[in-house]
Amino acid sequence: MAMLRWDGDERGEGVADAEPFAAGAVELVEAMRLPKWVAEQPDLHLQPHLERACRSLPLQLEDARSHADGTFEVSLHWTGERPNEAQVRAAVFSLVGSFAELATYARQRRAEATDDGRRAFLFDIVTGILDGDTQFAAHGHTVRVRVFAPS
């Protein structure tokens, strides 16, 4: 049997491929490779949405800053009880929904232990507008979200 895909997996394989969805993902990847596609000033465009969303989530904004490569680095503190990974992911996806454009990619990275005994959950987000989506020119944002939570 192939490697288990989750606890209790008895098949070891799926039922189909995701080819019908691939073209949309490729469109976003192609846009991501365009020079100057990442928009300037994500602190002005995205931060107000983050701040509003955090008010209804177990997340507190610790820091948010733009980097020279256009990445908007966001650090959040988990304010609720010790979360499991799924709870952190759900909160981050809700947060992303507050600023997501029409095309969005989200990738969770492996949680890491920090020097102060917390866990850091890392998410890479790309969100944008592609040619023809709206009346606005194609552009996007790259966002790296770190959620610090009790271990």
Protein backbone atom coordinates (compact mmCIF):
# COMPACT_ATOMS: atom_id res chain seq x y z
CA MET A 1 0.00 0.00 0.00
CA ALA A 2 1.15 3.55 -0.69
CA MET A 3 1.97 6.00 2.08
CA LEU A 4 -1.07 6.90 4.21
CA ARG A 5 -2.64 10.25 3.34
CA TRP A 6 -4.34 10.65 6.75
CA ASP A 7 -5.06 8.55 9.84
CA GLY A 8 -7.36 5.72 8.80
CA ASP A 9 -6.66 6.01 5.06
CA GLU A 10 -7.50 2.65 3.51
CA ARG A 11 -7.19 3.49 -0.20
CA GLY A 12 -3.72 5.03 -0.43
CA GLU A 13 -4.76 6.89 -3.56
CA GLY A 14 -7.28 9.45 -4.71
CA VAL A 15 -10.19 9.26 -7.12
CA ALA A 16 -9.13 11.77 -9.80
CA ASP A 17 -6.69 14.51 -10.76
CA ALA A 18 -7.29 18.26 -10.44
CA GLU A 19 -6.64 19.09 -14.09
CA PRO A 20 -9.86 21.13 -14.47
CA PHE A 21 -8.45 23.60 -11.91
CA ALA A 22 -4.87 23.74 -13.21
CA ALA A 23 -5.40 26.49 -15.80
CA GLY A 24 -6.49 28.99 -13.15
CA ALA A 25 -3.50 28.18 -10.98
CA VAL A 26 -1.16 28.54 -13.96
CA GLU A 27 -2.66 31.96 -14.74
CA LEU A 28 -1.74 33.16 -11.27
CA VAL A 29 1.77 31.66 -11.47
CA GLU A 30 2.34 33.37 -14.82
CA ALA A 31 1.22 36.71 -13.39
CA MET A 32 3.49 36.21 -10.36
CA ARG A 33 6.46 36.00 -12.76
CA LEU A 34 5.71 39.35 -14.44
CA PRO A 35 8.17 42.15 -13.60
CA LYS A 36 6.63 44.80 -11.32
CA TRP A 37 3.44 42.78 -10.75
CA VAL A 38 3.70 43.10 -6.96
CA ALA A 39 2.05 46.34 -5.89
CA GLU A 40 3.71 48.96 -3.73
CA GLN A 41 2.64 50.05 -0.24
CA PRO A 42 0.95 46.90 1.06
CA ASP A 43 0.84 48.56 4.47
CA LEU A 44 -1.66 51.07 3.05
CA HIS A 45 -3.60 48.55 0.96
CA LEU A 46 -3.65 45.51 3.25
CA GLN A 47 -2.94 46.50 6.84
CA PRO A 48 -6.32 48.16 7.55
CA HIS A 49 -8.03 44.91 6.47
CA LEU A 50 -5.72 42.89 8.72
CA GLU A 51 -6.40 45.12 11.71
CA ARG A 52 -10.18 44.89 11.26
CA ALA A 53 -10.10 41.11 10.79
CA CYS A 54 -7.96 40.57 13.89
CA ARG A 55 -10.67 42.18 16.04
CA SER A 56 -12.94 39.19 15.41
CA LEU A 57 -10.24 36.50 15.44
CA PRO A 58 -8.00 35.11 18.19
CA LEU A 59 -5.12 37.02 16.60
CA GLN A 60 -3.30 40.18 17.63
CA LEU A 61 -1.16 42.07 15.15
CA GLU A 62 2.38 42.30 16.56
CA ASP A 63 4.20 43.70 13.53
CA ALA A 64 3.67 44.33 9.83
CA ARG A 65 6.32 45.67 7.49
CA SER A 66 7.16 45.87 3.82
CA HIS A 67 10.42 44.49 2.46
CA ALA A 68 12.37 45.67 -0.56
CA ASP A 69 11.24 42.63 -2.59
CA GLY A 70 7.59 43.64 -2.05
CA THR A 71 6.84 41.01 0.58
CA PHE A 72 4.56 42.20 3.35
CA GLU A 73 5.75 40.42 6.50
CA VAL A 74 3.02 40.06 9.13
CA SER A 75 3.59 38.77 12.68
CA LEU A 76 0.59 37.80 14.77
CA HIS A 77 0.15 36.57 18.32
CA TRP A 78 -2.46 33.89 19.06
CA THR A 79 -4.68 35.25 21.86
CA GLY A 80 -6.87 32.22 22.54
CA GLU A 81 -6.27 28.94 24.32
CA ARG A 82 -3.44 26.73 23.06
CA PRO A 83 -4.55 26.03 19.47
CA ASN A 84 -4.15 23.01 17.31
CA GLU A 85 -2.82 23.42 13.79
CA ALA A 86 -6.26 23.33 12.18
CA GLN A 87 -7.49 26.19 14.40
CA VAL A 88 -4.53 28.37 13.42
CA ARG A 89 -5.04 27.56 9.74
CA ALA A 90 -8.76 28.41 9.93
CA ALA A 91 -8.02 31.77 11.59
CA VAL A 92 -5.33 32.61 9.02
CA PHE A 93 -7.62 31.69 6.13
CA SER A 94 -10.29 33.96 7.60
CA LEU A 95 -7.66 36.70 7.87
CA VAL A 96 -6.60 36.14 4.25
CA GLY A 97 -10.23 36.41 3.22
CA SER A 98 -10.24 39.97 4.52
CA PHE A 99 -7.74 41.11 1.88
CA ALA A 100 -7.88 38.42 -0.83
CA GLU A 101 -8.19 39.48 -4.44
CA LEU A 102 -9.79 37.36 -7.19
CA ALA A 103 -6.82 34.97 -7.51
CA THR A 104 -5.17 33.72 -4.33
CA TYR A 105 -2.53 31.16 -3.43
CA ALA A 106 -1.95 30.06 0.17
CA ARG A 107 0.70 27.66 1.41
CA GLN A 108 1.23 26.67 5.01
CA ARG A 109 4.78 25.81 5.95
CA ARG A 110 5.80 23.51 8.80
CA ALA A 111 5.37 24.98 12.30
CA GLU A 112 8.64 25.66 14.08
CA ALA A 113 9.57 25.99 17.74
CA THR A 114 10.84 29.42 18.76
CA ASP A 115 13.55 30.31 21.27
CA ASP A 116 10.93 31.54 23.75
CA GLY A 117 9.00 28.25 23.77
CA ARG A 118 6.22 29.18 21.36
CA ARG A 119 5.35 27.67 17.99
CA ALA A 120 5.56 29.76 14.83
CA PHE A 121 3.10 28.85 12.09
CA LEU A 122 4.19 30.20 8.70
CA PHE A 123 1.97 30.92 5.71
CA ASP A 124 2.98 32.24 2.27
CA ILE A 125 0.17 34.10 0.53
CA VAL A 126 -0.02 35.58 -2.96
CA THR A 127 -3.18 37.39 -3.95
CA GLY A 128 -3.94 39.50 -6.96
CA ILE A 129 -5.98 40.62 -9.89
CA LEU A 130 -5.22 39.05 -13.26
CA ASP A 131 -5.68 40.64 -16.68
CA GLY A 132 -9.37 40.84 -17.50
CA ASP A 133 -10.60 40.21 -13.94
CA THR A 134 -11.73 43.79 -13.31
CA GLN A 135 -11.36 47.29 -14.68
CA PHE A 136 -8.06 47.59 -12.77
CA ALA A 137 -4.66 46.68 -14.14
CA ALA A 138 -3.22 43.32 -13.13
CA HIS A 139 -1.30 43.48 -9.84
CA GLY A 140 -0.78 41.50 -6.70
CA HIS A 141 0.61 41.25 -3.20
CA THR A 142 2.97 38.78 -1.54
CA VAL A 143 2.33 38.28 2.15
CA ARG A 144 4.21 36.14 4.66
CA VAL A 145 2.16 35.53 7.80
CA ARG A 146 3.67 34.20 11.03
CA VAL A 147 1.42 33.24 13.90
CA PHE A 148 3.12 32.79 17.25
CA ALA A 149 1.17 30.47 19.56
CA PRO A 150 1.80 28.68 22.84
CA SER A 151 3.39 25.24 22.53
